[in-house]
């Protein structure tokens, strides 16, 4: 998926990369992680 003009990133305040949002089934943000993680640990 692509956000070439960074409109999505700017809109949600993802100013640095990587940024990862935890989004619930209703489409709401429940948590945010900035920086890289070992997501499969």
ModelCIF file with pLDDT and N, C-alpha, C, O atoms, coordinates in Angstrom:
data_MODEL
#
_entry.id   MODEL 
#
_entity.id                         1 
_entity.type                       polymer 
_entity.pdbx_number_of_molecules   1 
#
_entity_poly.entity_id                      1 
_entity_poly.type                           'polypeptide(L)' 
_entity_poly.nstd_linkage                   no 
_entity_poly.nstd_monomer                   no 
_entity_poly.pdbx_seq_one_letter_code       
;(UNK)(UNK)(UNK)(UNK)(UNK)(UNK)(UNK)(UNK)(UNK)(UNK)(UNK)(UNK)(UNK)(UNK)(UNK)(UNK)
(UNK)(UNK)(UNK)(UNK)(UNK)(UNK)(UNK)(UNK)(UNK)(UNK)(UNK)(UNK)(UNK)(UNK)(UNK)(UNK)
(UNK)(UNK)(UNK)(UNK)(UNK)(UNK)(UNK)(UNK)(UNK)
;
_entity_poly.pdbx_seq_one_letter_code_can   XXXXXXXXXXXXXXXXXXXXXXXXXXXXXXXXXXXXXXXXX 
_entity_poly.pdbx_strand_id                 A 
#
loop_
_entity_poly_seq.entity_id 
_entity_poly_seq.num 
_entity_poly_seq.mon_id 
_entity_poly_seq.hetero 
1 1  UNK n 
1 2  UNK n 
1 3  UNK n 
1 4  UNK n 
1 5  UNK n 
1 6  UNK n 
1 7  UNK n 
1 8  UNK n 
1 9  UNK n 
1 10 UNK n 
1 11 UNK n 
1 12 UNK n 
1 13 UNK n 
1 14 UNK n 
1 15 UNK n 
1 16 UNK n 
1 17 UNK n 
1 18 UNK n 
1 19 UNK n 
1 20 UNK n 
1 21 UNK n 
1 22 UNK n 
1 23 UNK n 
1 24 UNK n 
1 25 UNK n 
1 26 UNK n 
1 27 UNK n 
1 28 UNK n 
1 29 UNK n 
1 30 UNK n 
1 31 UNK n 
1 32 UNK n 
1 33 UNK n 
1 34 UNK n 
1 35 UNK n 
1 36 UNK n 
1 37 UNK n 
1 38 UNK n 
1 39 UNK n 
1 40 UNK n 
1 41 UNK n 
#
_struct_asym.id          A 
_struct_asym.entity_id   1 
#
loop_
_ma_qa_metric.id 
_ma_qa_metric.mode 
_ma_qa_metric.name 
_ma_qa_metric.software_group_id 
_ma_qa_metric.type 
1 global pLDDT . pLDDT 
2 local  pLDDT . pLDDT 
#
_ma_qa_metric_global.metric_id      1 
_ma_qa_metric_global.metric_value   94.93 
_ma_qa_metric_global.model_id       1 
_ma_qa_metric_global.ordinal_id     1 
#
loop_
_ma_qa_metric_local.label_asym_id 
_ma_qa_metric_local.label_comp_id 
_ma_qa_metric_local.label_seq_id 
_ma_qa_metric_local.metric_id 
_ma_qa_metric_local.metric_value 
_ma_qa_metric_local.model_id 
_ma_qa_metric_local.ordinal_id 
A UNK 1  2 97.00 1 1  
A UNK 2  2 97.00 1 2  
A UNK 3  2 96.00 1 3  
A UNK 4  2 94.00 1 4  
A UNK 5  2 93.00 1 5  
A UNK 6  2 94.00 1 6  
A UNK 7  2 94.00 1 7  
A UNK 8  2 96.00 1 8  
A UNK 9  2 96.00 1 9  
A UNK 10 2 95.00 1 10 
A UNK 11 2 94.00 1 11 
A UNK 12 2 95.00 1 12 
A UNK 13 2 94.00 1 13 
A UNK 14 2 93.00 1 14 
A UNK 15 2 84.00 1 15 
A UNK 16 2 90.00 1 16 
A UNK 17 2 96.00 1 17 
A UNK 18 2 97.00 1 18 
A UNK 19 2 97.00 1 19 
A UNK 20 2 98.00 1 20 
A UNK 21 2 98.00 1 21 
A UNK 22 2 97.00 1 22 
A UNK 23 2 97.00 1 23 
A UNK 24 2 96.00 1 24 
A UNK 25 2 96.00 1 25 
A UNK 26 2 95.00 1 26 
A UNK 27 2 96.00 1 27 
A UNK 28 2 96.00 1 28 
A UNK 29 2 97.00 1 29 
A UNK 30 2 95.00 1 30 
A UNK 31 2 95.00 1 31 
A UNK 32 2 96.00 1 32 
A UNK 33 2 95.00 1 33 
A UNK 34 2 94.00 1 34 
A UNK 35 2 94.00 1 35 
A UNK 36 2 94.00 1 36 
A UNK 37 2 94.00 1 37 
A UNK 38 2 94.00 1 38 
A UNK 39 2 95.00 1 39 
A UNK 40 2 95.00 1 40 
A UNK 41 2 93.00 1 41 
#
loop_
_atom_site.group_PDB 
_atom_site.id 
_atom_site.type_symbol 
_atom_site.label_atom_id 
_atom_site.label_alt_id 
_atom_site.label_comp_id 
_atom_site.label_asym_id 
_atom_site.label_entity_id 
_atom_site.label_seq_id 
_atom_site.pdbx_PDB_ins_code 
_atom_site.Cartn_x 
_atom_site.Cartn_y 
_atom_site.Cartn_z 
_atom_site.occupancy 
_atom_site.B_iso_or_equiv 
_atom_site.pdbx_formal_charge 
_atom_site.auth_seq_id 
_atom_site.auth_comp_id 
_atom_site.auth_asym_id 
_atom_site.auth_atom_id 
_atom_site.pdbx_PDB_model_num 
ATOM 1   N N  . UNK A 1 1  ? 0.851   -1.184  0.000  1.00 97.00 ? 1  UNK A N  1 
ATOM 2   C CA . UNK A 1 1  ? 0.000   0.000   0.000  1.00 97.00 ? 1  UNK A CA 1 
ATOM 3   C C  . UNK A 1 1  ? 0.888   1.235   0.000  1.00 97.00 ? 1  UNK A C  1 
ATOM 4   O O  . UNK A 1 1  ? 2.001   1.208   0.525  1.00 97.00 ? 1  UNK A O  1 
ATOM 5   N N  . UNK A 1 2  ? 0.390   2.322   -0.593 1.00 97.00 ? 2  UNK A N  1 
ATOM 6   C CA . UNK A 1 2  ? 1.228   3.495   -0.839 1.00 97.00 ? 2  UNK A CA 1 
ATOM 7   C C  . UNK A 1 2  ? 0.561   4.788   -0.372 1.00 97.00 ? 2  UNK A C  1 
ATOM 8   O O  . UNK A 1 2  ? -0.645  4.979   -0.527 1.00 97.00 ? 2  UNK A O  1 
ATOM 9   N N  . UNK A 1 3  ? 1.375   5.661   0.200  1.00 96.00 ? 3  UNK A N  1 
ATOM 10  C CA . UNK A 1 3  ? 0.985   6.996   0.642  1.00 96.00 ? 3  UNK A CA 1 
ATOM 11  C C  . UNK A 1 3  ? 2.038   7.960   0.076  1.00 96.00 ? 3  UNK A C  1 
ATOM 12  O O  . UNK A 1 3  ? 2.824   8.526   0.835  1.00 96.00 ? 3  UNK A O  1 
ATOM 13  N N  . UNK A 1 4  ? 2.059   8.152   -1.264 1.00 94.00 ? 4  UNK A N  1 
ATOM 14  C CA . UNK A 1 4  ? 3.159   8.872   -1.907 1.00 94.00 ? 4  UNK A CA 1 
ATOM 15  C C  . UNK A 1 4  ? 3.326   10.329  -1.476 1.00 94.00 ? 4  UNK A C  1 
ATOM 16  O O  . UNK A 1 4  ? 4.442   10.848  -1.484 1.00 94.00 ? 4  UNK A O  1 
ATOM 17  N N  . UNK A 1 5  ? 2.244   10.987  -1.105 1.00 93.00 ? 5  UNK A N  1 
ATOM 18  C CA . UNK A 1 5  ? 2.343   12.390  -0.697 1.00 93.00 ? 5  UNK A CA 1 
ATOM 19  C C  . UNK A 1 5  ? 2.369   12.546  0.828  1.00 93.00 ? 5  UNK A C  1 
ATOM 20  O O  . UNK A 1 5  ? 2.310   13.662  1.343  1.00 93.00 ? 5  UNK A O  1 
ATOM 21  N N  . UNK A 1 6  ? 2.454   11.438  1.531  1.00 94.00 ? 6  UNK A N  1 
ATOM 22  C CA . UNK A 1 6  ? 2.513   11.400  3.001  1.00 94.00 ? 6  UNK A CA 1 
ATOM 23  C C  . UNK A 1 6  ? 1.285   12.014  3.657  1.00 94.00 ? 6  UNK A C  1 
ATOM 24  O O  . UNK A 1 6  ? 1.351   12.449  4.807  1.00 94.00 ? 6  UNK A O  1 
ATOM 25  N N  . UNK A 1 7  ? 0.157   12.055  2.936  1.00 94.00 ? 7  UNK A N  1 
ATOM 26  C CA . UNK A 1 7  ? -1.067  12.644  3.484  1.00 94.00 ? 7  UNK A CA 1 
ATOM 27  C C  . UNK A 1 7  ? -1.598  11.829  4.660  1.00 94.00 ? 7  UNK A C  1 
ATOM 28  O O  . UNK A 1 7  ? -2.040  12.395  5.660  1.00 94.00 ? 7  UNK A O  1 
ATOM 29  N N  . UNK A 1 8  ? -1.556  10.513  4.544  1.00 96.00 ? 8  UNK A N  1 
ATOM 30  C CA . UNK A 1 8  ? -2.055  9.654   5.616  1.00 96.00 ? 8  UNK A CA 1 
ATOM 31  C C  . UNK A 1 8  ? -1.145  9.778   6.834  1.00 96.00 ? 8  UNK A C  1 
ATOM 32  O O  . UNK A 1 8  ? -1.619  9.954   7.956  1.00 96.00 ? 8  UNK A O  1 
ATOM 33  N N  . UNK A 1 9  ? 0.153   9.686   6.609  1.00 96.00 ? 9  UNK A N  1 
ATOM 34  C CA . UNK A 1 9  ? 1.114   9.783   7.715  1.00 96.00 ? 9  UNK A CA 1 
ATOM 35  C C  . UNK A 1 9  ? 0.971   11.109  8.454  1.00 96.00 ? 9  UNK A C  1 
ATOM 36  O O  . UNK A 1 9  ? 0.949   11.133  9.685  1.00 96.00 ? 9  UNK A O  1 
ATOM 37  N N  . UNK A 1 10 ? 0.873   12.210  7.713  1.00 95.00 ? 10 UNK A N  1 
ATOM 38  C CA . UNK A 1 10 ? 0.714   13.519  8.345  1.00 95.00 ? 10 UNK A CA 1 
ATOM 39  C C  . UNK A 1 10 ? -0.599  13.596  9.117  1.00 95.00 ? 10 UNK A C  1 
ATOM 40  O O  . UNK A 1 10 ? -0.640  14.132  10.224 1.00 95.00 ? 10 UNK A O  1 
ATOM 41  N N  . UNK A 1 11 ? -1.665  13.065  8.539  1.00 94.00 ? 11 UNK A N  1 
ATOM 42  C CA . UNK A 1 11 ? -2.987  13.155  9.152  1.00 94.00 ? 11 UNK A CA 1 
ATOM 43  C C  . UNK A 1 11 ? -3.052  12.449  10.500 1.00 94.00 ? 11 UNK A C  1 
ATOM 44  O O  . UNK A 1 11 ? -3.748  12.906  11.406 1.00 94.00 ? 11 UNK A O  1 
ATOM 45  N N  . UNK A 1 12 ? -2.336  11.344  10.640 1.00 95.00 ? 12 UNK A N  1 
ATOM 46  C CA . UNK A 1 12 ? -2.373  10.606  11.909 1.00 95.00 ? 12 UNK A CA 1 
ATOM 47  C C  . UNK A 1 12 ? -1.190  10.948  12.817 1.00 95.00 ? 12 UNK A C  1 
ATOM 48  O O  . UNK A 1 12 ? -1.037  10.354  13.884 1.00 95.00 ? 12 UNK A O  1 
ATOM 49  N N  . UNK A 1 13 ? -0.359  11.893  12.403 1.00 94.00 ? 13 UNK A N  1 
ATOM 50  C CA . UNK A 1 13 ? 0.765   12.317  13.233 1.00 94.00 ? 13 UNK A CA 1 
ATOM 51  C C  . UNK A 1 13 ? 1.930   11.342  13.250 1.00 94.00 ? 13 UNK A C  1 
ATOM 52  O O  . UNK A 1 13 ? 2.674   11.275  14.229 1.00 94.00 ? 13 UNK A O  1 
ATOM 53  N N  . UNK A 1 14 ? 2.092   10.589  12.173 1.00 93.00 ? 14 UNK A N  1 
ATOM 54  C CA . UNK A 1 14 ? 3.240   9.678   12.055 1.00 93.00 ? 14 UNK A CA 1 
ATOM 55  C C  . UNK A 1 14 ? 4.387   10.470  11.449 1.00 93.00 ? 14 UNK A C  1 
ATOM 56  O O  . UNK A 1 14 ? 4.635   10.404  10.245 1.00 93.00 ? 14 UNK A O  1 
ATOM 57  N N  . UNK A 1 15 ? 5.078   11.213  12.286 1.00 84.00 ? 15 UNK A N  1 
ATOM 58  C CA . UNK A 1 15 ? 6.081   12.154  11.802 1.00 84.00 ? 15 UNK A CA 1 
ATOM 59  C C  . UNK A 1 15 ? 7.451   11.530  11.605 1.00 84.00 ? 15 UNK A C  1 
ATOM 60  O O  . UNK A 1 15 ? 8.224   11.999  10.769 1.00 84.00 ? 15 UNK A O  1 
ATOM 61  N N  . UNK A 1 16 ? 7.766   10.496  12.347 1.00 90.00 ? 16 UNK A N  1 
ATOM 62  C CA . UNK A 1 16 ? 9.020   9.776   12.175 1.00 90.00 ? 16 UNK A CA 1 
ATOM 63  C C  . UNK A 1 16 ? 8.694   8.348   11.768 1.00 90.00 ? 16 UNK A C  1 
ATOM 64  O O  . UNK A 1 16 ? 7.552   7.910   11.910 1.00 90.00 ? 16 UNK A O  1 
ATOM 65  N N  . UNK A 1 17 ? 9.654   7.637   11.277 1.00 96.00 ? 17 UNK A N  1 
ATOM 66  C CA . UNK A 1 17 ? 9.392   6.263   10.844 1.00 96.00 ? 17 UNK A CA 1 
ATOM 67  C C  . UNK A 1 17 ? 10.363  5.315   11.531 1.00 96.00 ? 17 UNK A C  1 
ATOM 68  O O  . UNK A 1 17 ? 11.481  5.706   11.867 1.00 96.00 ? 17 UNK A O  1 
ATOM 69  N N  . UNK A 1 18 ? 9.953   4.100   11.737 1.00 97.00 ? 18 UNK A N  1 
ATOM 70  C CA . UNK A 1 18 ? 8.603   3.565   11.550 1.00 97.00 ? 18 UNK A CA 1 
ATOM 71  C C  . UNK A 1 18 ? 7.674   3.952   12.700 1.00 97.00 ? 18 UNK A C  1 
ATOM 72  O O  . UNK A 1 18 ? 8.111   4.174   13.829 1.00 97.00 ? 18 UNK A O  1 
ATOM 73  N N  . UNK A 1 19 ? 6.397   4.025   12.384 1.00 97.00 ? 19 UNK A N  1 
ATOM 74  C CA . UNK A 1 19 ? 5.329   4.231   13.363 1.00 97.00 ? 19 UNK A CA 1 
ATOM 75  C C  . UNK A 1 19 ? 4.304   3.138   13.127 1.00 97.00 ? 19 UNK A C  1 
ATOM 76  O O  . UNK A 1 19 ? 3.934   2.849   11.989 1.00 97.00 ? 19 UNK A O  1 
ATOM 77  N N  . UNK A 1 20 ? 3.849   2.535   14.214 1.00 98.00 ? 20 UNK A N  1 
ATOM 78  C CA . UNK A 1 20 ? 2.877   1.454   14.115 1.00 98.00 ? 20 UNK A CA 1 
ATOM 79  C C  . UNK A 1 20 ? 1.703   1.759   15.030 1.00 98.00 ? 20 UNK A C  1 
ATOM 80  O O  . UNK A 1 20 ? 1.879   2.031   16.218 1.00 98.00 ? 20 UNK A O  1 
ATOM 81  N N  . UNK A 1 21 ? 0.503   1.712   14.463 1.00 98.00 ? 21 UNK A N  1 
ATOM 82  C CA . UNK A 1 21 ? -0.722  1.961   15.215 1.00 98.00 ? 21 UNK A CA 1 
ATOM 83  C C  . UNK A 1 21 ? -1.432  0.638   15.497 1.00 98.00 ? 21 UNK A C  1 
ATOM 84  O O  . UNK A 1 21 ? -1.515  -0.227  14.626 1.00 98.00 ? 21 UNK A O  1 
ATOM 85  N N  . UNK A 1 22 ? -1.935  0.491   16.705 1.00 97.00 ? 22 UNK A N  1 
ATOM 86  C CA . UNK A 1 22 ? -2.820  -0.615  17.051 1.00 97.00 ? 22 UNK A CA 1 
ATOM 87  C C  . UNK A 1 22 ? -4.232  -0.082  16.832 1.00 97.00 ? 22 UNK A C  1 
ATOM 88  O O  . UNK A 1 22 ? -4.643  0.864   17.504 1.00 97.00 ? 22 UNK A O  1 
ATOM 89  N N  . UNK A 1 23 ? -4.976  -0.670  15.907 1.00 97.00 ? 23 UNK A N  1 
ATOM 90  C CA . UNK A 1 23 ? -6.307  -0.189  15.560 1.00 97.00 ? 23 UNK A CA 1 
ATOM 91  C C  . UNK A 1 23 ? -7.317  -1.282  15.875 1.00 97.00 ? 23 UNK A C  1 
ATOM 92  O O  . UNK A 1 23 ? -7.167  -2.424  15.443 1.00 97.00 ? 23 UNK A O  1 
ATOM 93  N N  . UNK A 1 24 ? -8.348  -0.919  16.633 1.00 96.00 ? 24 UNK A N  1 
ATOM 94  C CA . UNK A 1 24 ? -9.350  -1.911  17.040 1.00 96.00 ? 24 UNK A CA 1 
ATOM 95  C C  . UNK A 1 24 ? -10.340 -2.188  15.907 1.00 96.00 ? 24 UNK A C  1 
ATOM 96  O O  . UNK A 1 24 ? -10.309 -1.499  14.887 1.00 96.00 ? 24 UNK A O  1 
ATOM 97  N N  . UNK A 1 25 ? -11.214 -3.180  16.067 1.00 96.00 ? 25 UNK A N  1 
ATOM 98  C CA . UNK A 1 25 ? -12.159 -3.540  14.991 1.00 96.00 ? 25 UNK A CA 1 
ATOM 99  C C  . UNK A 1 25 ? -13.120 -2.417  14.593 1.00 96.00 ? 25 UNK A C  1 
ATOM 100 O O  . UNK A 1 25 ? -13.717 -2.472  13.518 1.00 96.00 ? 25 UNK A O  1 
ATOM 101 N N  . UNK A 1 26 ? -13.275 -1.401  15.444 1.00 95.00 ? 26 UNK A N  1 
ATOM 102 C CA . UNK A 1 26 ? -14.128 -0.259  15.118 1.00 95.00 ? 26 UNK A CA 1 
ATOM 103 C C  . UNK A 1 26 ? -13.351 0.853   14.406 1.00 95.00 ? 26 UNK A C  1 
ATOM 104 O O  . UNK A 1 26 ? -13.918 1.900   14.093 1.00 95.00 ? 26 UNK A O  1 
ATOM 105 N N  . UNK A 1 27 ? -12.067 0.633   14.152 1.00 96.00 ? 27 UNK A N  1 
ATOM 106 C CA . UNK A 1 27 ? -11.261 1.617   13.442 1.00 96.00 ? 27 UNK A CA 1 
ATOM 107 C C  . UNK A 1 27 ? -10.688 2.706   14.324 1.00 96.00 ? 27 UNK A C  1 
ATOM 108 O O  . UNK A 1 27 ? -10.374 3.790   13.832 1.00 96.00 ? 27 UNK A O  1 
ATOM 109 N N  . UNK A 1 28 ? -10.540 2.446   15.625 1.00 96.00 ? 28 UNK A N  1 
ATOM 110 C CA . UNK A 1 28 ? -10.004 3.435   16.560 1.00 96.00 ? 28 UNK A CA 1 
ATOM 111 C C  . UNK A 1 28 ? -8.588  3.037   16.982 1.00 96.00 ? 28 UNK A C  1 
ATOM 112 O O  . UNK A 1 28 ? -8.267  1.854   17.091 1.00 96.00 ? 28 UNK A O  1 
ATOM 113 N N  . UNK A 1 29 ? -7.763  4.038   17.214 1.00 97.00 ? 29 UNK A N  1 
ATOM 114 C CA . UNK A 1 29 ? -6.390  3.789   17.671 1.00 97.00 ? 29 UNK A CA 1 
ATOM 115 C C  . UNK A 1 29 ? -6.395  3.508   19.166 1.00 97.00 ? 29 UNK A C  1 
ATOM 116 O O  . UNK A 1 29 ? -6.918  4.297   19.953 1.00 97.00 ? 29 UNK A O  1 
ATOM 117 N N  . UNK A 1 30 ? -5.804  2.370   19.556 1.00 95.00 ? 30 UNK A N  1 
ATOM 118 C CA . UNK A 1 30 ? -5.725  2.027   20.975 1.00 95.00 ? 30 UNK A CA 1 
ATOM 119 C C  . UNK A 1 30 ? -4.301  2.151   21.519 1.00 95.00 ? 30 UNK A C  1 
ATOM 120 O O  . UNK A 1 30 ? -4.104  2.263   22.729 1.00 95.00 ? 30 UNK A O  1 
ATOM 121 N N  . UNK A 1 31 ? -3.317  2.130   20.631 1.00 95.00 ? 31 UNK A N  1 
ATOM 122 C CA . UNK A 1 31 ? -1.921  2.267   21.053 1.00 95.00 ? 31 UNK A CA 1 
ATOM 123 C C  . UNK A 1 31 ? -1.088  2.692   19.855 1.00 95.00 ? 31 UNK A C  1 
ATOM 124 O O  . UNK A 1 31 ? -1.518  2.601   18.705 1.00 95.00 ? 31 UNK A O  1 
ATOM 125 N N  . UNK A 1 32 ? 0.130   3.163   20.166 1.00 96.00 ? 32 UNK A N  1 
ATOM 126 C CA . UNK A 1 32 ? 1.046   3.622   19.118 1.00 96.00 ? 32 UNK A CA 1 
ATOM 127 C C  . UNK A 1 32 ? 2.464   3.242   19.522 1.00 96.00 ? 32 UNK A C  1 
ATOM 128 O O  . UNK A 1 32 ? 2.861   3.385   20.678 1.00 96.00 ? 32 UNK A O  1 
ATOM 129 N N  . UNK A 1 33 ? 3.211   2.760   18.545 1.00 95.00 ? 33 UNK A N  1 
ATOM 130 C CA . UNK A 1 33 ? 4.612   2.399   18.769 1.00 95.00 ? 33 UNK A CA 1 
ATOM 131 C C  . UNK A 1 33 ? 5.475   3.175   17.785 1.00 95.00 ? 33 UNK A C  1 
ATOM 132 O O  . UNK A 1 33 ? 5.182   3.213   16.590 1.00 95.00 ? 33 UNK A O  1 
ATOM 133 N N  . UNK A 1 34 ? 6.531   3.787   18.286 1.00 94.00 ? 34 UNK A N  1 
ATOM 134 C CA . UNK A 1 34 ? 7.465   4.510   17.436 1.00 94.00 ? 34 UNK A CA 1 
ATOM 135 C C  . UNK A 1 34 ? 8.806   3.797   17.489 1.00 94.00 ? 34 UNK A C  1 
ATOM 136 O O  . UNK A 1 34 ? 9.297   3.445   18.562 1.00 94.00 ? 34 UNK A O  1 
ATOM 137 N N  . UNK A 1 35 ? 9.384   3.591   16.332 1.00 94.00 ? 35 UNK A N  1 
ATOM 138 C CA . UNK A 1 35 ? 10.652  2.877   16.248 1.00 94.00 ? 35 UNK A CA 1 
ATOM 139 C C  . UNK A 1 35 ? 10.426  1.429   15.854 1.00 94.00 ? 35 UNK A C  1 
ATOM 140 O O  . UNK A 1 35 ? 9.293   0.952   15.785 1.00 94.00 ? 35 UNK A O  1 
ATOM 141 N N  . UNK A 1 36 ? 11.522  0.745   15.598 1.00 94.00 ? 36 UNK A N  1 
ATOM 142 C CA . UNK A 1 36 ? 11.407  -0.643  15.151 1.00 94.00 ? 36 UNK A CA 1 
ATOM 143 C C  . UNK A 1 36 ? 11.328  -1.582  16.349 1.00 94.00 ? 36 UNK A C  1 
ATOM 144 O O  . UNK A 1 36 ? 11.848  -1.298  17.428 1.00 94.00 ? 36 UNK A O  1 
ATOM 145 N N  . UNK A 1 37 ? 10.661  -2.705  16.123 1.00 94.00 ? 37 UNK A N  1 
ATOM 146 C CA . UNK A 1 37 ? 10.455  -3.725  17.136 1.00 94.00 ? 37 UNK A CA 1 
ATOM 147 C C  . UNK A 1 37 ? 10.673  -5.097  16.510 1.00 94.00 ? 37 UNK A C  1 
ATOM 148 O O  . UNK A 1 37 ? 10.601  -5.253  15.291 1.00 94.00 ? 37 UNK A O  1 
ATOM 149 N N  . UNK A 1 38 ? 10.936  -6.066  17.339 1.00 94.00 ? 38 UNK A N  1 
ATOM 150 C CA . UNK A 1 38 ? 10.939  -7.469  16.909 1.00 94.00 ? 38 UNK A CA 1 
ATOM 151 C C  . UNK A 1 38 ? 9.506   -7.961  17.059 1.00 94.00 ? 38 UNK A C  1 
ATOM 152 O O  . UNK A 1 38 ? 9.165   -8.625  18.038 1.00 94.00 ? 38 UNK A O  1 
ATOM 153 N N  . UNK A 1 39 ? 8.674   -7.631  16.082 1.00 95.00 ? 39 UNK A N  1 
ATOM 154 C CA . UNK A 1 39 ? 7.240   -7.882  16.179 1.00 95.00 ? 39 UNK A CA 1 
ATOM 155 C C  . UNK A 1 39 ? 6.884   -9.358  16.271 1.00 95.00 ? 39 UNK A C  1 
ATOM 156 O O  . UNK A 1 39 ? 5.796   -9.695  16.736 1.00 95.00 ? 39 UNK A O  1 
ATOM 157 N N  . UNK A 1 40 ? 7.761   -10.233 15.846 1.00 95.00 ? 40 UNK A N  1 
ATOM 158 C CA . UNK A 1 40 ? 7.445   -11.666 15.909 1.00 95.00 ? 40 UNK A CA 1 
ATOM 159 C C  . UNK A 1 40 ? 8.074   -12.359 17.115 1.00 95.00 ? 40 UNK A C  1 
ATOM 160 O O  . UNK A 1 40 ? 8.030   -13.585 17.214 1.00 95.00 ? 40 UNK A O  1 
ATOM 161 N N  . UNK A 1 41 ? 8.656   -11.592 18.026 1.00 93.00 ? 41 UNK A N  1 
ATOM 162 C CA . UNK A 1 41 ? 9.242   -12.189 19.232 1.00 93.00 ? 41 UNK A CA 1 
ATOM 163 C C  . UNK A 1 41 ? 8.134   -12.833 20.066 1.00 93.00 ? 41 UNK A C  1 
ATOM 164 O O  . UNK A 1 41 ? 8.406   -13.395 21.126 1.00 93.00 ? 41 UNK A O  1 
#
